[in-house]
C-alpha cells in the first residue's frame, strides 16, 4: 500500500505544480489574453482620422452642425475599421460619430500598451478634444460602448460625461467574465485590469439603454441584466437568440436606438 500512497502523492504534487505553473502563466500573460489586439490593421479613410497624444479617432460629422454625437468604444479584438459601418448607420440617423482607438490597437498601435489605465486615458483624451476643439457640449453627446468598450463607457459616464449612455453586451466587471470562462483559476485575485462597471453604477445618473443577446456566449446575458438592475436609470433590451457579436447591427436594435436618443 505504501507504493500506492507514493504514486498518489506524486500525481497530486505534479498536478499542483502544473496548476501553479498555469496560474503563473495566466498572471504574467494576462494582458495579451485580455487585450488581443488585431494583427492586421483594417483600412480607414485618412480624411476621417484625427490623431491625438494617446489615441486616434475615427470622426464622421453629422449632416447638421447642431446634431447629437455618439462617442463609441469598440469591443475586444476590434479596431476603428471594424466600426466604420456604425459611423454610416449613425450618420443615416442624422447623428455624428466618433470612435476611439485603444493604445496598442490598430492605428494606435504605437500609442503604448493596452490596459485599463491607458485605455481610460485615451478616452479622456478624446473627450477633451470633443469638448475643446470640436465644441461638442455634454448635452449633445451620447457615450456608447460594446463589450470591453462598455467598461470604458461606464467609467466616463460615472464622471459625468455625456447626456445618455448606450451599452451593447456589457459586463459587470472583467473578473466576473474571466471567472466564468476559467473557473479553475483564481481570476478575481489575478486580474489587474478590472473595468468594474458594477461598482461605478451608482454614480451613473444618465439614462442608459443596455442591449444584450439572450444567448451571448462571451458575456452571459445575466451579467448585463445585473448591471442594468444596478444602474439608477437603465432600460434593458433583451434580444432573443442574440449572441455576442450579432446584436448591434439588427434593425430592431436601431429602431430602439433612435427612440432612445430622441426621448425627452
Protein backbone atom coordinates (compact mmCIF):
# COMPACT_ATOMS: atom_id res chain seq x y z
CA UNK A 1 0.00 0.00 0.00
CA UNK A 2 2.98 2.29 0.56
CA UNK A 3 3.73 2.39 -3.16
CA UNK A 4 0.13 3.39 -3.87
CA UNK A 5 0.41 6.31 -1.46
CA UNK A 6 3.66 7.37 -3.08
CA UNK A 7 2.10 7.24 -6.55
CA UNK A 8 -0.93 9.22 -5.39
CA UNK A 9 1.28 11.77 -3.64
CA UNK A 10 3.40 12.11 -6.76
CA UNK A 11 0.39 12.59 -9.01
CA UNK A 12 -1.14 15.16 -6.65
CA UNK A 13 2.16 17.01 -6.44
CA UNK A 14 2.55 17.05 -10.20
CA UNK A 15 -0.99 18.35 -10.64
CA UNK A 16 -0.40 21.05 -8.03
CA UNK A 17 2.82 22.16 -9.73
CA UNK A 18 1.07 22.17 -13.09
CA UNK A 19 -1.77 24.27 -11.69
CA UNK A 20 0.68 26.75 -10.13
CA UNK A 21 2.50 26.99 -13.45
CA UNK A 22 -0.80 27.68 -15.19
CA UNK A 23 -1.60 30.38 -12.63
CA UNK A 24 1.81 31.98 -13.22
CA UNK A 25 1.35 31.96 -16.99
CA UNK A 26 -2.14 33.43 -16.66
CA UNK A 27 -0.86 36.21 -14.40
CA UNK A 28 2.13 37.27 -16.45
CA UNK A 29 0.44 36.86 -19.84
CA UNK A 30 -2.94 38.23 -18.83
CA UNK A 31 -2.80 41.43 -20.86
CA UNK A 32 -2.06 39.51 -24.03
CA UNK A 33 -5.09 37.35 -23.21
CA UNK A 34 -7.41 40.16 -22.12
CA UNK A 35 -6.45 42.61 -24.88
CA UNK A 36 -5.92 40.58 -28.10
CA UNK A 37 -5.15 43.47 -30.42
CA UNK A 38 -5.78 42.62 -34.10
CA UNK A 39 -2.62 41.85 -36.05
CA UNK A 40 -3.94 43.23 -39.35
CA UNK A 41 -4.93 46.90 -39.48
CA UNK A 42 -8.18 47.50 -41.35
CA UNK A 43 -8.16 50.47 -43.74
CA UNK A 44 -9.91 53.68 -42.73
CA UNK A 45 -10.21 56.84 -44.80
CA UNK A 46 -7.49 59.26 -43.70
CA UNK A 47 -9.98 62.12 -44.04
CA UNK A 48 -11.93 60.65 -41.11
CA UNK A 49 -8.95 60.25 -38.77
CA UNK A 50 -7.76 62.57 -36.01
CA UNK A 51 -4.53 61.78 -34.18
CA UNK A 52 -4.24 62.73 -30.51
CA UNK A 53 -1.42 62.18 -28.00
CA UNK A 54 -2.93 58.99 -26.55
CA UNK A 55 -5.23 57.75 -29.30
CA UNK A 56 -6.54 58.01 -32.85
CA UNK A 57 -10.15 58.95 -33.55
CA UNK A 58 -12.49 57.99 -36.36
CA UNK A 59 -14.73 61.03 -36.90
CA UNK A 60 -17.88 61.18 -39.05
CA UNK A 61 -19.59 64.57 -38.69
CA UNK A 62 -23.40 64.74 -38.70
CA UNK A 63 -25.43 66.34 -41.50
CA UNK A 64 -26.44 69.21 -39.20
CA UNK A 65 -23.98 71.28 -37.11
CA UNK A 66 -26.24 71.22 -34.04
CA UNK A 67 -26.92 67.47 -34.14
CA UNK A 68 -26.19 64.85 -31.49
CA UNK A 69 -22.90 62.95 -31.42
CA UNK A 70 -22.09 59.38 -30.36
CA UNK A 71 -18.74 58.69 -28.71
CA UNK A 72 -18.13 54.95 -29.16
CA UNK A 73 -15.73 52.42 -27.64
CA UNK A 74 -15.43 49.19 -29.60
CA UNK A 75 -15.22 45.60 -28.40
CA UNK A 76 -12.17 43.46 -27.86
CA UNK A 77 -10.25 42.18 -30.89
CA UNK A 78 -11.85 45.04 -32.88
CA UNK A 79 -10.42 48.32 -34.17
CA UNK A 80 -11.59 51.52 -35.84
CA UNK A 81 -12.08 49.82 -39.18
CA UNK A 82 -14.42 47.32 -37.51
CA UNK A 83 -16.92 50.05 -36.58
CA UNK A 84 -16.83 52.15 -39.75
CA UNK A 85 -20.27 50.70 -40.60
CA UNK A 86 -21.58 52.15 -37.34
CA UNK A 87 -20.41 55.62 -38.37
CA UNK A 88 -22.50 55.27 -41.53
CA UNK A 89 -25.51 53.96 -39.60
CA UNK A 90 -25.49 56.86 -37.14
CA UNK A 91 -24.96 59.36 -39.96
CA UNK A 92 -28.09 57.97 -41.63
CA UNK A 93 -29.97 58.90 -38.46
CA UNK A 94 -28.55 62.42 -38.53
CA UNK A 95 -26.07 61.77 -35.72
CA UNK A 96 -22.32 62.41 -35.64
CA UNK A 97 -19.98 59.59 -34.68
CA UNK A 98 -16.57 59.38 -33.02
CA UNK A 99 -14.83 56.06 -32.30
CA UNK A 100 -11.78 55.87 -30.06
CA UNK A 101 -8.86 53.52 -30.70
CA UNK A 102 -7.16 51.78 -27.79
CA UNK A 103 -3.39 52.11 -27.27
CA UNK A 104 -1.67 49.14 -28.91
CA UNK A 105 -4.63 48.51 -31.25
CA UNK A 106 -4.91 49.17 -34.97
CA UNK A 107 -3.93 52.69 -35.95
CA UNK A 108 -2.91 53.46 -32.33
CA UNK A 109 -0.52 50.52 -32.04
CA UNK A 110 2.36 52.97 -31.43
CA UNK A 111 0.49 54.82 -28.66
CA UNK A 112 1.55 52.44 -25.90
CA UNK A 113 0.32 49.16 -24.44
CA UNK A 114 -3.34 48.40 -23.74
CA UNK A 115 -4.56 48.29 -20.15
CA UNK A 116 -7.36 49.84 -18.13
CA UNK A 117 -5.38 52.96 -17.22
CA UNK A 118 -4.08 53.61 -20.75
CA UNK A 119 -7.47 52.98 -22.37
CA UNK A 120 -9.26 55.32 -19.96
CA UNK A 121 -6.59 57.96 -20.59
CA UNK A 122 -7.20 57.58 -24.34
CA UNK A 123 -10.92 58.03 -23.68
CA UNK A 124 -10.30 61.21 -21.67
CA UNK A 125 -8.03 62.45 -24.45
CA UNK A 126 -10.94 62.01 -26.86
CA UNK A 127 -13.38 63.80 -24.53
CA UNK A 128 -11.02 66.75 -24.19
CA UNK A 129 -10.84 67.00 -27.98
CA UNK A 130 -14.61 66.75 -28.40
CA UNK A 131 -15.37 69.34 -25.76
CA UNK A 132 -12.50 71.63 -26.75
CA UNK A 133 -11.61 71.96 -30.47
CA UNK A 134 -14.82 70.28 -31.65
CA UNK A 135 -17.06 72.28 -29.31
CA UNK A 136 -19.46 69.41 -28.51
CA UNK A 137 -21.27 70.05 -25.25
CA UNK A 138 -22.25 67.27 -22.86
CA UNK A 139 -25.96 67.63 -23.64
CA UNK A 140 -25.24 66.73 -27.31
CA UNK A 141 -23.02 63.76 -26.51
CA UNK A 142 -24.08 60.11 -26.16
CA UNK A 143 -21.47 57.73 -24.77
CA UNK A 144 -21.53 54.24 -26.25
CA UNK A 145 -19.59 51.04 -25.61
CA UNK A 146 -19.64 47.45 -26.77
CA UNK A 147 -18.33 44.52 -24.69
CA UNK A 148 -14.89 45.67 -23.46
CA UNK A 149 -15.87 49.17 -24.55
CA UNK A 150 -18.82 49.11 -22.16
CA UNK A 151 -16.37 49.28 -19.25
CA UNK A 152 -14.79 52.40 -20.75
CA UNK A 153 -18.17 53.98 -21.45
CA UNK A 154 -19.40 53.40 -17.89
CA UNK A 155 -16.19 54.88 -16.48
CA UNK A 156 -16.77 58.06 -18.50
CA UNK A 157 -20.48 58.26 -17.67
CA UNK A 158 -19.67 57.92 -13.96
CA UNK A 159 -17.50 61.04 -14.38
CA UNK A 160 -20.49 62.91 -15.81
CA UNK A 161 -19.55 62.67 -19.49
CA UNK A 162 -22.48 62.58 -21.91
CA UNK A 163 -26.23 63.03 -21.57
CA UNK A 164 -27.06 59.36 -22.27
CA UNK A 165 -25.28 56.02 -22.11
CA UNK A 166 -25.64 53.20 -24.61
CA UNK A 167 -24.19 49.75 -23.81
CA UNK A 168 -24.01 46.72 -26.09
CA UNK A 169 -23.37 43.33 -24.43
CA UNK A 170 -21.90 44.84 -21.25
CA UNK A 171 -20.43 43.06 -18.24
CA UNK A 172 -20.42 43.82 -14.53
CA UNK A 173 -16.61 43.54 -14.38
CA UNK A 174 -13.83 41.78 -16.26
CA UNK A 175 -13.12 39.43 -13.33
CA UNK A 176 -16.77 38.33 -13.42
CA UNK A 177 -16.37 37.39 -17.08
CA UNK A 178 -12.99 35.75 -16.55
CA UNK A 179 -14.13 33.72 -13.56
CA UNK A 180 -16.91 32.19 -15.64
CA UNK A 181 -14.60 31.42 -18.54
CA UNK A 182 -11.82 29.96 -16.35
CA UNK A 183 -13.38 28.69 -13.12
CA UNK A 184 -10.27 26.59 -12.41
CA UNK A 185 -8.14 29.72 -11.86
CA UNK A 186 -8.30 32.39 -9.10
CA UNK A 187 -9.18 35.02 -11.71
CA UNK A 188 -10.55 37.55 -9.22
CA UNK A 189 -7.18 37.64 -7.47
CA UNK A 190 -5.07 37.65 -10.62
CA UNK A 191 -6.70 40.32 -12.81
CA UNK A 192 -5.06 43.73 -12.82
CA UNK A 193 -7.42 45.40 -15.32
CA UNK A 194 -10.90 45.15 -13.83
CA UNK A 195 -13.24 47.66 -15.53
CA UNK A 196 -15.59 47.28 -12.56
CA UNK A 197 -18.74 48.82 -14.02
CA UNK A 198 -20.91 47.42 -11.23
CA UNK A 199 -19.05 49.41 -8.58
CA UNK A 200 -19.48 52.59 -10.67
CA UNK A 201 -23.15 52.02 -11.49
CA UNK A 202 -24.49 54.16 -8.67
CA UNK A 203 -22.57 57.18 -10.00
CA UNK A 204 -24.19 56.98 -13.45
CA UNK A 205 -27.16 59.36 -13.48
CA UNK A 206 -27.75 59.50 -17.23
CA UNK A 207 -30.48 57.45 -18.93
CA UNK A 208 -28.99 54.12 -20.05
CA UNK A 209 -30.01 51.64 -22.73
CA UNK A 210 -28.49 48.17 -22.49
CA UNK A 211 -28.72 45.84 -25.49
CA UNK A 212 -27.85 42.22 -24.75
CA UNK A 213 -28.45 38.91 -26.52
CA UNK A 214 -30.10 36.11 -24.58
CA UNK A 215 -27.58 33.58 -25.98
CA UNK A 216 -24.41 35.62 -25.54
CA UNK A 217 -21.59 33.07 -25.40
CA UNK A 218 -18.89 35.52 -24.22
CA UNK A 219 -20.62 37.81 -21.71
CA UNK A 220 -23.66 35.98 -20.31
CA UNK A 221 -26.94 37.86 -20.51
CA UNK A 222 -27.29 37.69 -16.73
CA UNK A 223 -24.27 39.96 -16.30
CA UNK A 224 -25.87 42.63 -18.47
CA UNK A 225 -29.14 42.21 -16.59
CA UNK A 226 -27.35 42.55 -13.26
CA UNK A 227 -25.66 45.75 -14.40
CA UNK A 228 -29.00 47.11 -15.63
CA UNK A 229 -30.52 46.47 -12.19
CA UNK A 230 -27.69 48.39 -10.50
CA UNK A 231 -27.89 51.46 -12.76
CA UNK A 232 -30.36 54.07 -11.43
CA UNK A 233 -31.96 54.87 -14.80
CA UNK A 234 -31.47 51.91 -17.14
CA UNK A 235 -33.60 50.09 -19.70
CA UNK A 236 -32.64 46.55 -20.72
CA UNK A 237 -33.39 45.42 -24.27
CA UNK A 238 -33.16 41.62 -24.44
CA UNK A 239 -32.52 40.28 -27.94
CA UNK A 240 -33.97 36.76 -28.13
CA UNK A 241 -31.39 34.37 -29.57
CA UNK A 242 -28.80 37.12 -29.83
CA UNK A 243 -25.15 36.19 -29.43
CA UNK A 244 -22.16 38.32 -28.52
CA UNK A 245 -21.34 39.80 -31.92
CA UNK A 246 -24.65 39.80 -33.78
CA UNK A 247 -26.94 42.21 -31.92
CA UNK A 248 -25.54 45.67 -32.73
CA UNK A 249 -26.48 45.61 -36.41
CA UNK A 250 -30.08 44.39 -36.10
CA UNK A 251 -32.90 46.55 -37.43
CA UNK A 252 -34.90 46.17 -34.20
CA UNK A 253 -31.91 47.45 -32.25
CA UNK A 254 -31.53 50.53 -34.43
CA UNK A 255 -35.21 51.33 -34.03
CA UNK A 256 -34.68 51.19 -30.28
CA UNK A 257 -31.56 53.36 -30.55
CA UNK A 258 -33.45 56.02 -32.48
CA UNK A 259 -36.19 56.12 -29.88
CA UNK A 260 -33.69 56.19 -27.03
CA UNK A 261 -31.62 59.15 -28.25
CA UNK A 262 -34.69 61.25 -29.08
CA UNK A 263 -36.67 60.51 -25.90
CA UNK A 264 -37.38 63.59 -23.76
